[in-house]
Amino acid sequence: MYAVSTAETEFAFVDASLQQQAGQAFSRGLKLLLQLQQRDEAGLSLWAAQYHHRTLQPAWARAYEMPALAVMESANLLDFLLSLPKPSVELQQSIHAAAGWLARHAITDQHWHPQLRVLQAKAGAGPLWPRFAELNTNRPIFGDRDGELYYDVHQVSFERRQGYAWYTERPAPTLERYQRWRAAFNDVAK
């Protein structure tokens, strides 16, 4: 919607009326994104992977995808938000909060073994993050096909450890981009 509203190269053919409609739809979507950002004791945090369509509360998806903060997906969303020109003060605060959460919850000196699918101590390794963090506590949380939740990935069945990305390095480049962005928008960091 944003690309259509600004008539970026591949959408240069779009007429002004449709551009305006796309801009309004984008603004409504951005407003909802800001509304959906979760809060914890420190303030704004990240976004959940999925929300209930009526209550807009974090919701279950598959049995091993619990209502939780979705770290990898939040990093992807943050990349998009960082790309927007002239962010409002509210959007800047949202970005600062999400990046702060990622920085505070980075795991170092641990390595996710790609074949064994276990978390191992390794000096100098990281940063990495859990795929999901528990709402309110921010603890790494893991699920299995039977709907059971665990705080230790090693309790998850091997099949689910093999078939799901429980740890990710994905937020690292996002935090690098954030550091560059922050130079221009640091005045509303708190």
N, C-alpha and C. Protein backbone atom coordinates (compact mmCIF):
# COMPACT_ATOMS: atom_id res chain seq x y z
N MET A 1 0.81 -1.19 0.00
CA MET A 1 0.00 0.00 0.00
C MET A 1 0.86 1.26 0.00
N TYR A 2 1.94 1.21 0.78
CA TYR A 2 2.80 2.39 0.83
C TYR A 2 3.39 2.68 -0.55
N ALA A 3 3.89 1.64 -1.21
CA ALA A 3 4.50 1.83 -2.53
C ALA A 3 3.48 2.37 -3.53
N VAL A 4 2.25 1.90 -3.45
CA VAL A 4 1.20 2.41 -4.34
C VAL A 4 0.89 3.87 -4.01
N SER A 5 0.80 4.17 -2.72
CA SER A 5 0.44 5.54 -2.32
C SER A 5 1.49 6.57 -2.72
N THR A 6 2.73 6.15 -2.82
CA THR A 6 3.80 7.09 -3.18
C THR A 6 4.18 7.00 -4.65
N ALA A 7 3.46 6.15 -5.39
CA ALA A 7 3.70 5.97 -6.83
C ALA A 7 5.15 5.63 -7.12
N GLU A 8 5.71 4.73 -6.30
CA GLU A 8 7.07 4.28 -6.56
C GLU A 8 7.14 3.68 -7.96
N THR A 9 8.33 3.55 -8.49
CA THR A 9 8.58 3.20 -9.88
C THR A 9 7.60 2.20 -10.47
N GLU A 10 7.45 1.04 -9.84
CA GLU A 10 6.58 0.03 -10.42
C GLU A 10 5.10 0.38 -10.32
N PHE A 11 4.78 1.43 -9.57
CA PHE A 11 3.38 1.87 -9.42
C PHE A 11 3.17 3.29 -9.95
N ALA A 12 4.06 3.75 -10.79
CA ALA A 12 3.97 5.11 -11.34
C ALA A 12 2.70 5.30 -12.17
N PHE A 13 2.14 4.24 -12.68
CA PHE A 13 0.94 4.32 -13.52
C PHE A 13 -0.34 4.55 -12.72
N VAL A 14 -0.30 4.38 -11.41
CA VAL A 14 -1.50 4.48 -10.57
C VAL A 14 -1.97 5.93 -10.52
N ASP A 15 -3.27 6.13 -10.73
CA ASP A 15 -3.80 7.50 -10.73
C ASP A 15 -3.88 8.07 -9.31
N ALA A 16 -4.04 9.37 -9.23
CA ALA A 16 -4.00 10.08 -7.94
C ALA A 16 -5.08 9.61 -6.98
N SER A 17 -6.26 9.29 -7.48
CA SER A 17 -7.35 8.84 -6.60
C SER A 17 -7.00 7.52 -5.92
N LEU A 18 -6.47 6.60 -6.69
CA LEU A 18 -6.08 5.30 -6.12
C LEU A 18 -4.88 5.46 -5.18
N GLN A 19 -3.97 6.35 -5.53
CA GLN A 19 -2.84 6.64 -4.63
C GLN A 19 -3.35 7.13 -3.28
N GLN A 20 -4.33 8.01 -3.31
CA GLN A 20 -4.89 8.55 -2.07
C GLN A 20 -5.56 7.44 -1.25
N GLN A 21 -6.32 6.58 -1.91
CA GLN A 21 -6.98 5.47 -1.21
C GLN A 21 -5.94 4.53 -0.59
N ALA A 22 -4.89 4.26 -1.35
CA ALA A 22 -3.82 3.39 -0.84
C ALA A 22 -3.14 4.04 0.36
N GLY A 23 -2.92 5.33 0.29
CA GLY A 23 -2.31 6.05 1.41
C GLY A 23 -3.16 5.99 2.66
N GLN A 24 -4.47 6.13 2.49
CA GLN A 24 -5.38 6.04 3.64
C GLN A 24 -5.38 4.63 4.23
N ALA A 25 -5.39 3.62 3.36
CA ALA A 25 -5.35 2.23 3.83
C ALA A 25 -4.04 1.95 4.56
N PHE A 26 -2.95 2.45 4.01
CA PHE A 26 -1.65 2.27 4.67
C PHE A 26 -1.65 2.93 6.04
N SER A 27 -2.18 4.12 6.14
CA SER A 27 -2.24 4.83 7.43
C SER A 27 -3.05 4.04 8.45
N ARG A 28 -4.18 3.47 8.02
CA ARG A 28 -4.99 2.65 8.94
C ARG A 28 -4.22 1.41 9.37
N GLY A 29 -3.52 0.79 8.44
CA GLY A 29 -2.72 -0.39 8.78
C GLY A 29 -1.60 -0.07 9.75
N LEU A 30 -0.93 1.04 9.53
CA LEU A 30 0.15 1.46 10.42
C LEU A 30 -0.39 1.77 11.82
N LYS A 31 -1.55 2.41 11.87
CA LYS A 31 -2.18 2.70 13.16
C LYS A 31 -2.47 1.40 13.91
N LEU A 32 -2.96 0.39 13.19
CA LEU A 32 -3.24 -0.90 13.81
C LEU A 32 -1.95 -1.57 14.29
N LEU A 33 -0.90 -1.51 13.49
CA LEU A 33 0.39 -2.08 13.91
C LEU A 33 0.86 -1.47 15.23
N LEU A 34 0.73 -0.18 15.35
CA LEU A 34 1.14 0.49 16.58
C LEU A 34 0.27 0.05 17.75
N GLN A 35 -1.01 -0.16 17.48
CA GLN A 35 -1.94 -0.64 18.51
C GLN A 35 -1.60 -2.06 18.96
N LEU A 36 -1.15 -2.89 18.04
CA LEU A 36 -0.90 -4.30 18.33
C LEU A 36 0.44 -4.55 19.02
N GLN A 37 1.31 -3.56 19.03
CA GLN A 37 2.60 -3.75 19.71
C GLN A 37 2.34 -4.04 21.18
N GLN A 38 2.92 -5.11 21.67
CA GLN A 38 2.67 -5.55 23.04
C GLN A 38 3.43 -4.71 24.05
N ARG A 39 2.99 -4.77 25.28
CA ARG A 39 3.63 -4.05 26.38
C ARG A 39 4.04 -5.04 27.46
N ASP A 40 5.11 -4.70 28.17
CA ASP A 40 5.52 -5.45 29.36
C ASP A 40 5.86 -4.42 30.43
N GLU A 41 6.50 -4.86 31.50
CA GLU A 41 6.78 -3.94 32.60
C GLU A 41 7.69 -2.78 32.18
N ALA A 42 8.46 -2.95 31.13
CA ALA A 42 9.36 -1.90 30.65
C ALA A 42 8.67 -0.95 29.65
N GLY A 43 7.48 -1.30 29.21
CA GLY A 43 6.77 -0.48 28.22
C GLY A 43 6.52 -1.27 26.95
N LEU A 44 6.59 -0.61 25.81
CA LEU A 44 6.37 -1.28 24.53
C LEU A 44 7.43 -2.34 24.30
N SER A 45 7.04 -3.45 23.67
CA SER A 45 8.01 -4.51 23.38
C SER A 45 7.94 -4.87 21.90
N LEU A 46 7.46 -6.06 21.57
CA LEU A 46 7.40 -6.55 20.19
C LEU A 46 5.96 -6.84 19.80
N TRP A 47 5.80 -7.57 18.72
CA TRP A 47 4.49 -7.96 18.22
C TRP A 47 4.34 -9.47 18.33
N ALA A 48 3.11 -9.92 18.45
CA ALA A 48 2.82 -11.35 18.45
C ALA A 48 2.79 -11.85 17.01
N ALA A 49 2.84 -13.16 16.85
CA ALA A 49 2.81 -13.75 15.51
C ALA A 49 1.41 -13.70 14.92
N GLN A 50 0.41 -13.89 15.75
CA GLN A 50 -0.96 -13.87 15.28
C GLN A 50 -1.86 -13.32 16.38
N TYR A 51 -2.98 -12.77 15.93
CA TYR A 51 -3.92 -12.13 16.85
C TYR A 51 -5.32 -12.66 16.58
N HIS A 52 -6.14 -12.68 17.62
CA HIS A 52 -7.54 -13.06 17.46
C HIS A 52 -8.22 -11.99 16.61
N HIS A 53 -9.01 -12.42 15.65
CA HIS A 53 -9.59 -11.47 14.70
C HIS A 53 -10.62 -10.52 15.32
N ARG A 54 -11.18 -10.87 16.45
CA ARG A 54 -12.15 -9.97 17.09
C ARG A 54 -11.55 -9.19 18.26
N THR A 55 -10.80 -9.88 19.11
CA THR A 55 -10.28 -9.23 20.31
C THR A 55 -8.96 -8.51 20.08
N LEU A 56 -8.27 -8.87 19.01
CA LEU A 56 -6.94 -8.35 18.69
C LEU A 56 -5.91 -8.68 19.78
N GLN A 57 -6.17 -9.75 20.52
CA GLN A 57 -5.22 -10.23 21.52
C GLN A 57 -4.36 -11.32 20.90
N PRO A 58 -3.10 -11.48 21.35
CA PRO A 58 -2.27 -12.58 20.83
C PRO A 58 -3.02 -13.90 20.97
N ALA A 59 -2.91 -14.74 19.94
CA ALA A 59 -3.70 -15.97 19.88
C ALA A 59 -2.85 -17.16 19.42
N TRP A 60 -3.38 -18.34 19.66
CA TRP A 60 -2.75 -19.58 19.19
C TRP A 60 -2.87 -19.68 17.68
N ALA A 61 -1.90 -20.32 17.06
CA ALA A 61 -1.99 -20.75 15.67
C ALA A 61 -1.93 -22.27 15.72
N ARG A 62 -0.83 -22.87 15.28
CA ARG A 62 -0.68 -24.32 15.42
C ARG A 62 -0.39 -24.66 16.88
N ALA A 63 -0.44 -25.93 17.22
CA ALA A 63 -0.29 -26.36 18.61
C ALA A 63 1.03 -25.89 19.23
N TYR A 64 2.05 -25.70 18.43
CA TYR A 64 3.36 -25.29 18.94
C TYR A 64 3.63 -23.80 18.69
N GLU A 65 2.60 -23.07 18.30
CA GLU A 65 2.71 -21.63 18.07
C GLU A 65 1.73 -20.91 19.00
N MET A 66 2.23 -20.69 20.19
CA MET A 66 1.44 -20.14 21.28
C MET A 66 1.32 -18.62 21.20
N PRO A 67 0.37 -18.04 21.92
CA PRO A 67 0.34 -16.58 22.02
C PRO A 67 1.64 -16.12 22.69
N ALA A 68 2.44 -15.40 21.98
CA ALA A 68 3.77 -15.01 22.48
C ALA A 68 4.31 -13.88 21.60
N LEU A 69 5.37 -13.26 22.07
CA LEU A 69 6.08 -12.31 21.23
C LEU A 69 6.80 -13.09 20.14
N ALA A 70 6.66 -12.65 18.91
CA ALA A 70 7.29 -13.32 17.77
C ALA A 70 8.54 -12.54 17.39
N VAL A 71 9.68 -13.02 17.82
CA VAL A 71 10.92 -12.25 17.70
C VAL A 71 11.35 -12.09 16.25
N MET A 72 11.40 -13.17 15.49
CA MET A 72 11.86 -13.09 14.11
C MET A 72 10.91 -12.22 13.27
N GLU A 73 9.62 -12.44 13.44
CA GLU A 73 8.64 -11.67 12.68
C GLU A 73 8.67 -10.19 13.08
N SER A 74 8.92 -9.93 14.36
CA SER A 74 9.03 -8.54 14.81
C SER A 74 10.24 -7.86 14.19
N ALA A 75 11.34 -8.60 14.03
CA ALA A 75 12.52 -8.03 13.37
C ALA A 75 12.20 -7.68 11.93
N ASN A 76 11.46 -8.55 11.24
CA ASN A 76 11.06 -8.26 9.86
C ASN A 76 10.18 -7.01 9.81
N LEU A 77 9.25 -6.91 10.72
CA LEU A 77 8.37 -5.75 10.78
C LEU A 77 9.18 -4.49 11.09
N LEU A 78 10.11 -4.61 12.00
CA LEU A 78 10.95 -3.46 12.36
C LEU A 78 11.77 -2.98 11.16
N ASP A 79 12.26 -3.91 10.34
CA ASP A 79 12.98 -3.51 9.12
C ASP A 79 12.10 -2.63 8.24
N PHE A 80 10.84 -3.04 8.09
CA PHE A 80 9.92 -2.25 7.29
C PHE A 80 9.71 -0.86 7.91
N LEU A 81 9.47 -0.82 9.20
CA LEU A 81 9.24 0.46 9.86
C LEU A 81 10.45 1.38 9.75
N LEU A 82 11.64 0.80 9.81
CA LEU A 82 12.87 1.60 9.67
C LEU A 82 12.99 2.22 8.28
N SER A 83 12.33 1.64 7.30
CA SER A 83 12.43 2.13 5.93
C SER A 83 11.51 3.31 5.64
N LEU A 84 10.59 3.59 6.55
CA LEU A 84 9.61 4.64 6.28
C LEU A 84 10.21 6.03 6.49
N PRO A 85 10.03 6.91 5.52
CA PRO A 85 10.55 8.27 5.69
C PRO A 85 9.64 9.08 6.61
N LYS A 86 10.21 10.02 7.29
CA LYS A 86 9.47 10.95 8.15
C LYS A 86 8.53 10.25 9.13
N PRO A 87 9.06 9.35 9.97
CA PRO A 87 8.19 8.66 10.93
C PRO A 87 7.66 9.62 11.99
N SER A 88 6.40 9.42 12.36
CA SER A 88 5.80 10.24 13.42
C SER A 88 6.52 9.97 14.74
N VAL A 89 6.29 10.82 15.71
CA VAL A 89 6.89 10.62 17.03
C VAL A 89 6.43 9.28 17.60
N GLU A 90 5.14 8.95 17.44
CA GLU A 90 4.63 7.68 17.95
C GLU A 90 5.33 6.49 17.29
N LEU A 91 5.54 6.58 15.98
CA LEU A 91 6.24 5.51 15.28
C LEU A 91 7.70 5.43 15.72
N GLN A 92 8.34 6.57 15.91
CA GLN A 92 9.72 6.56 16.39
C GLN A 92 9.82 5.89 17.76
N GLN A 93 8.88 6.20 18.64
CA GLN A 93 8.88 5.59 19.97
C GLN A 93 8.70 4.08 19.86
N SER A 94 7.82 3.64 18.96
CA SER A 94 7.59 2.22 18.74
C SER A 94 8.87 1.53 18.27
N ILE A 95 9.55 2.16 17.32
CA ILE A 95 10.79 1.60 16.78
C ILE A 95 11.87 1.52 17.86
N HIS A 96 12.06 2.61 18.59
CA HIS A 96 13.06 2.60 19.67
C HIS A 96 12.76 1.50 20.68
N ALA A 97 11.49 1.34 21.03
CA ALA A 97 11.11 0.33 22.03
C ALA A 97 11.38 -1.08 21.53
N ALA A 98 11.00 -1.37 20.29
CA ALA A 98 11.21 -2.72 19.74
C ALA A 98 12.70 -3.03 19.62
N ALA A 99 13.47 -2.07 19.13
CA ALA A 99 14.92 -2.29 19.02
C ALA A 99 15.54 -2.46 20.40
N GLY A 100 15.07 -1.70 21.36
CA GLY A 100 15.57 -1.85 22.73
C GLY A 100 15.28 -3.23 23.29
N TRP A 101 14.08 -3.73 23.01
CA TRP A 101 13.73 -5.08 23.47
C TRP A 101 14.69 -6.10 22.86
N LEU A 102 14.90 -6.00 21.56
CA LEU A 102 15.80 -6.95 20.89
C LEU A 102 17.21 -6.87 21.48
N ALA A 103 17.70 -5.68 21.72
CA ALA A 103 19.05 -5.53 22.28
C ALA A 103 19.13 -6.13 23.69
N ARG A 104 18.11 -5.90 24.50
CA ARG A 104 18.13 -6.40 25.89
C ARG A 104 17.99 -7.92 25.97
N HIS A 105 17.39 -8.54 24.98
CA HIS A 105 17.10 -9.97 25.07
C HIS A 105 17.96 -10.82 24.14
N ALA A 106 19.02 -10.24 23.61
CA ALA A 106 19.96 -11.01 22.79
C ALA A 106 20.66 -12.04 23.67
N ILE A 107 20.84 -13.22 23.13
CA ILE A 107 21.53 -14.31 23.84
C ILE A 107 22.94 -14.39 23.28
N THR A 108 23.92 -14.32 24.15
CA THR A 108 25.31 -14.44 23.72
C THR A 108 25.95 -15.64 24.40
N ASP A 109 27.08 -16.05 23.87
CA ASP A 109 27.83 -17.20 24.39
C ASP A 109 27.02 -18.49 24.33
N GLN A 110 26.07 -18.55 23.41
CA GLN A 110 25.28 -19.75 23.16
C GLN A 110 25.21 -19.94 21.64
N HIS A 111 25.16 -21.19 21.22
CA HIS A 111 25.14 -21.53 19.80
C HIS A 111 24.02 -22.55 19.56
N TRP A 112 23.20 -22.32 18.55
CA TRP A 112 22.16 -23.27 18.16
C TRP A 112 22.76 -24.20 17.13
N HIS A 113 22.98 -25.45 17.51
CA HIS A 113 23.63 -26.42 16.62
C HIS A 113 22.65 -26.81 15.51
N PRO A 114 23.01 -26.56 14.25
CA PRO A 114 22.06 -26.77 13.15
C PRO A 114 21.70 -28.23 12.88
N GLN A 115 22.59 -29.17 13.19
CA GLN A 115 22.26 -30.58 12.96
C GLN A 115 21.67 -31.24 14.21
N LEU A 116 22.28 -31.02 15.34
CA LEU A 116 21.80 -31.65 16.57
C LEU A 116 20.55 -30.97 17.12
N ARG A 117 20.33 -29.72 16.71
CA ARG A 117 19.17 -28.93 17.16
C ARG A 117 19.14 -28.79 18.67
N VAL A 118 20.30 -28.44 19.22
CA VAL A 118 20.42 -28.18 20.65
C VAL A 118 21.13 -26.84 20.84
N LEU A 119 20.87 -26.22 21.97
CA LEU A 119 21.53 -24.99 22.35
C LEU A 119 22.77 -25.36 23.15
N GLN A 120 23.92 -24.88 22.70
CA GLN A 120 25.18 -25.24 23.34
C GLN A 120 25.93 -23.98 23.78
N ALA A 121 26.62 -24.09 24.91
CA ALA A 121 27.48 -23.00 25.37
C ALA A 121 28.66 -22.88 24.41
N LYS A 122 28.97 -21.66 24.01
CA LYS A 122 30.10 -21.42 23.12
C LYS A 122 30.55 -19.97 23.30
N ALA A 123 31.71 -19.80 23.90
CA ALA A 123 32.22 -18.45 24.17
C ALA A 123 32.29 -17.63 22.89
N GLY A 124 31.80 -16.41 22.96
CA GLY A 124 31.85 -15.51 21.82
C GLY A 124 30.75 -15.69 20.80
N ALA A 125 29.92 -16.71 20.96
CA ALA A 125 28.84 -16.96 20.00
C ALA A 125 27.70 -15.96 20.19
N GLY A 126 26.92 -15.83 19.16
CA GLY A 126 25.75 -14.97 19.23
C GLY A 126 26.02 -13.65 18.54
N PRO A 127 25.06 -12.78 18.59
CA PRO A 127 23.82 -12.92 19.34
C PRO A 127 22.80 -13.77 18.58
N LEU A 128 21.92 -14.38 19.37
CA LEU A 128 20.77 -15.06 18.81
C LEU A 128 19.60 -14.84 19.74
N TRP A 129 18.43 -15.15 19.23
CA TRP A 129 17.19 -14.90 19.95
C TRP A 129 16.28 -16.12 19.84
N PRO A 130 15.40 -16.30 20.82
CA PRO A 130 14.41 -17.36 20.67
C PRO A 130 13.36 -16.93 19.64
N ARG A 131 12.74 -17.88 18.99
CA ARG A 131 11.68 -17.55 18.04
C ARG A 131 10.52 -16.87 18.76
N PHE A 132 10.18 -17.39 19.96
CA PHE A 132 9.07 -16.84 20.74
C PHE A 132 9.53 -16.47 22.14
N ALA A 133 8.96 -15.40 22.66
CA ALA A 133 9.19 -14.99 24.04
C ALA A 133 7.83 -14.89 24.73
N GLU A 134 7.78 -15.38 25.93
CA GLU A 134 6.52 -15.40 26.67
C GLU A 134 6.02 -13.98 26.92
N LEU A 135 4.73 -13.79 26.74
CA LEU A 135 4.12 -12.50 27.03
C LEU A 135 4.34 -12.17 28.50
N ASN A 136 4.60 -10.94 28.78
CA ASN A 136 4.80 -10.38 30.13
C ASN A 136 6.13 -10.75 30.78
N THR A 137 6.63 -11.97 30.61
CA THR A 137 7.90 -12.34 31.26
C THR A 137 9.09 -12.23 30.33
N ASN A 138 8.85 -12.29 29.02
CA ASN A 138 9.89 -12.24 27.99
C ASN A 138 10.82 -13.45 27.99
N ARG A 139 10.46 -14.51 28.71
CA ARG A 139 11.28 -15.72 28.73
C ARG A 139 11.13 -16.47 27.41
N PRO A 140 12.22 -17.08 26.90
CA PRO A 140 12.08 -17.94 25.73
C PRO A 140 11.05 -19.04 26.03
N ILE A 141 10.19 -19.30 25.06
CA ILE A 141 9.14 -20.30 25.25
C ILE A 141 9.04 -21.15 23.99
N PHE A 142 8.76 -22.43 24.18
CA PHE A 142 8.77 -23.40 23.10
C PHE A 142 7.53 -24.28 23.21
N GLY A 143 7.04 -24.77 22.09
CA GLY A 143 5.85 -25.60 22.09
C GLY A 143 6.06 -26.87 21.30
N ASP A 144 5.14 -27.81 21.52
CA ASP A 144 5.20 -29.09 20.80
C ASP A 144 3.84 -29.37 20.18
N ARG A 145 3.77 -30.40 19.36
CA ARG A 145 2.54 -30.72 18.65
C ARG A 145 1.37 -31.02 19.58
N ASP A 146 1.67 -31.46 20.80
CA ASP A 146 0.59 -31.78 21.74
C ASP A 146 0.08 -30.54 22.48
N GLY A 147 0.60 -29.37 22.15
CA GLY A 147 0.16 -28.14 22.78
C GLY A 147 0.86 -27.82 24.08
N GLU A 148 1.79 -28.68 24.51
CA GLU A 148 2.54 -28.41 25.74
C GLU A 148 3.54 -27.29 25.50
N LEU A 149 3.74 -26.49 26.53
CA LEU A 149 4.70 -25.39 26.47
C LEU A 149 5.88 -25.68 27.38
N TYR A 150 7.05 -25.25 26.94
CA TYR A 150 8.28 -25.50 27.68
C TYR A 150 9.14 -24.24 27.71
N TYR A 151 9.96 -24.14 28.75
CA TYR A 151 10.92 -23.05 28.84
C TYR A 151 12.32 -23.52 28.46
N ASP A 152 12.46 -24.78 28.14
CA ASP A 152 13.74 -25.36 27.73
C ASP A 152 13.51 -26.08 26.40
N VAL A 153 14.18 -25.63 25.36
CA VAL A 153 13.99 -26.20 24.03
C VAL A 153 14.31 -27.69 23.99
N HIS A 154 15.16 -28.15 24.90
CA HIS A 154 15.54 -29.56 24.90
C HIS A 154 14.40 -30.47 25.36
N GLN A 155 13.34 -29.90 25.91
CA GLN A 155 12.17 -30.68 26.30
C GLN A 155 11.21 -30.90 25.13
N VAL A 156 11.39 -30.14 24.06
CA VAL A 156 10.56 -30.28 22.88
C VAL A 156 10.97 -31.55 22.14
N SER A 157 10.00 -32.25 21.55
CA SER A 157 10.32 -33.48 20.82
C SER A 157 11.35 -33.19 19.73
N PHE A 158 12.17 -34.19 19.42
CA PHE A 158 13.19 -34.01 18.40
C PHE A 158 12.56 -33.64 17.06
N GLU A 159 11.42 -34.23 16.76
CA GLU A 159 10.73 -33.92 15.50
C GLU A 159 10.44 -32.43 15.40
N ARG A 160 9.97 -31.80 16.45
CA ARG A 160 9.66 -30.37 16.44
C ARG A 160 10.93 -29.53 16.50
N ARG A 161 11.97 -30.02 17.17
CA ARG A 161 13.24 -29.28 17.14
C ARG A 161 13.81 -29.30 15.73
N GLN A 162 13.67 -30.42 15.03
CA GLN A 162 14.17 -30.54 13.66
C GLN A 162 13.34 -29.71 12.69
N GLY A 163 12.03 -29.66 12.93
CA GLY A 163 11.13 -29.08 11.94
C GLY A 163 10.72 -27.65 12.20
N TYR A 164 11.41 -26.96 13.09
CA TYR A 164 10.99 -25.59 13.39
C TYR A 164 12.21 -24.76 13.79
N ALA A 165 12.18 -23.49 13.46
CA ALA A 165 13.29 -22.59 13.78
C ALA A 165 13.07 -21.98 15.16
N TRP A 166 13.58 -22.64 16.20
CA TRP A 166 13.36 -22.17 17.57
C TRP A 166 14.29 -21.04 17.97
N TYR A 167 15.43 -20.95 17.33
CA TYR A 167 16.37 -19.85 17.60
C TYR A 167 16.73 -19.20 16.28
N THR A 168 17.02 -17.92 16.32
CA THR A 168 17.30 -17.18 15.10
C THR A 168 18.35 -16.10 15.34
N GLU A 169 19.12 -15.82 14.31
CA GLU A 169 20.06 -14.70 14.31
C GLU A 169 19.47 -13.51 13.56
N ARG A 170 18.27 -13.68 13.05
CA ARG A 170 17.62 -12.70 12.18
C ARG A 170 17.62 -11.26 12.70
N PRO A 171 17.41 -11.01 14.01
CA PRO A 171 17.38 -9.61 14.47
C PRO A 171 18.72 -8.87 14.40
N ALA A 172 19.84 -9.57 14.28
CA ALA A 172 21.15 -8.90 14.30
C ALA A 172 21.28 -7.83 13.22
N PRO A 173 21.00 -8.13 11.94
CA PRO A 173 21.12 -7.07 10.94
C PRO A 173 20.09 -5.95 11.13
N THR A 174 18.95 -6.29 11.71
CA THR A 174 17.94 -5.26 12.00
C THR A 174 18.49 -4.27 13.02
N LEU A 175 19.15 -4.78 14.05
CA LEU A 175 19.73 -3.88 15.05
C LEU A 175 20.85 -3.02 14.46
N GLU A 176 21.58 -3.55 13.49
CA GLU A 176 22.59 -2.74 12.81
C GLU A 176 21.93 -1.60 12.03
N ARG A 177 20.84 -1.93 11.31
CA ARG A 177 20.11 -0.88 10.58
C ARG A 177 19.52 0.15 11.55
N TYR A 178 19.04 -0.34 12.67
CA TYR A 178 18.48 0.55 13.69
C TYR A 178 19.53 1.55 14.18
N GLN A 179 20.75 1.11 14.38
CA GLN A 179 21.81 2.01 14.86
C GLN A 179 22.03 3.16 13.88
N ARG A 180 21.97 2.87 12.59
CA ARG A 180 22.13 3.93 11.59
C ARG A 180 20.91 4.86 11.60
N TRP A 181 19.72 4.27 11.70
CA TRP A 181 18.47 5.05 11.74
C TRP A 181 18.43 5.94 12.97
N ARG A 182 18.87 5.41 14.08
CA ARG A 182 18.82 6.09 15.37
C ARG A 182 19.58 7.42 15.35
N ALA A 183 20.62 7.49 14.56
CA ALA A 183 21.39 8.73 14.48
C ALA A 183 20.51 9.91 14.08
N ALA A 184 19.50 9.64 13.27
CA ALA A 184 18.60 10.71 12.82
C ALA A 184 17.41 10.92 13.76
N PHE A 185 17.07 9.91 14.55
CA PHE A 185 15.82 9.98 15.33
C PHE A 185 16.02 9.65 16.80
N ASN A 186 17.12 10.04 17.36
CA ASN A 186 17.42 9.68 18.75
C ASN A 186 16.71 10.56 19.78
N ASP A 187 16.18 11.70 19.36
CA ASP A 187 15.60 12.65 20.30
C ASP A 187 14.33 12.16 20.99
N VAL A 188 13.67 11.13 20.46
CA VAL A 188 12.46 10.60 21.11
C VAL A 188 12.69 9.19 21.65
N ALA A 189 13.93 8.84 21.90
CA ALA A 189 14.26 7.47 22.31
C ALA A 189 13.54 7.04 23.57
N LYS A 190 13.15 7.91 24.44
CA LYS A 190 12.49 7.51 25.69
C LYS A 190 11.02 7.85 25.67
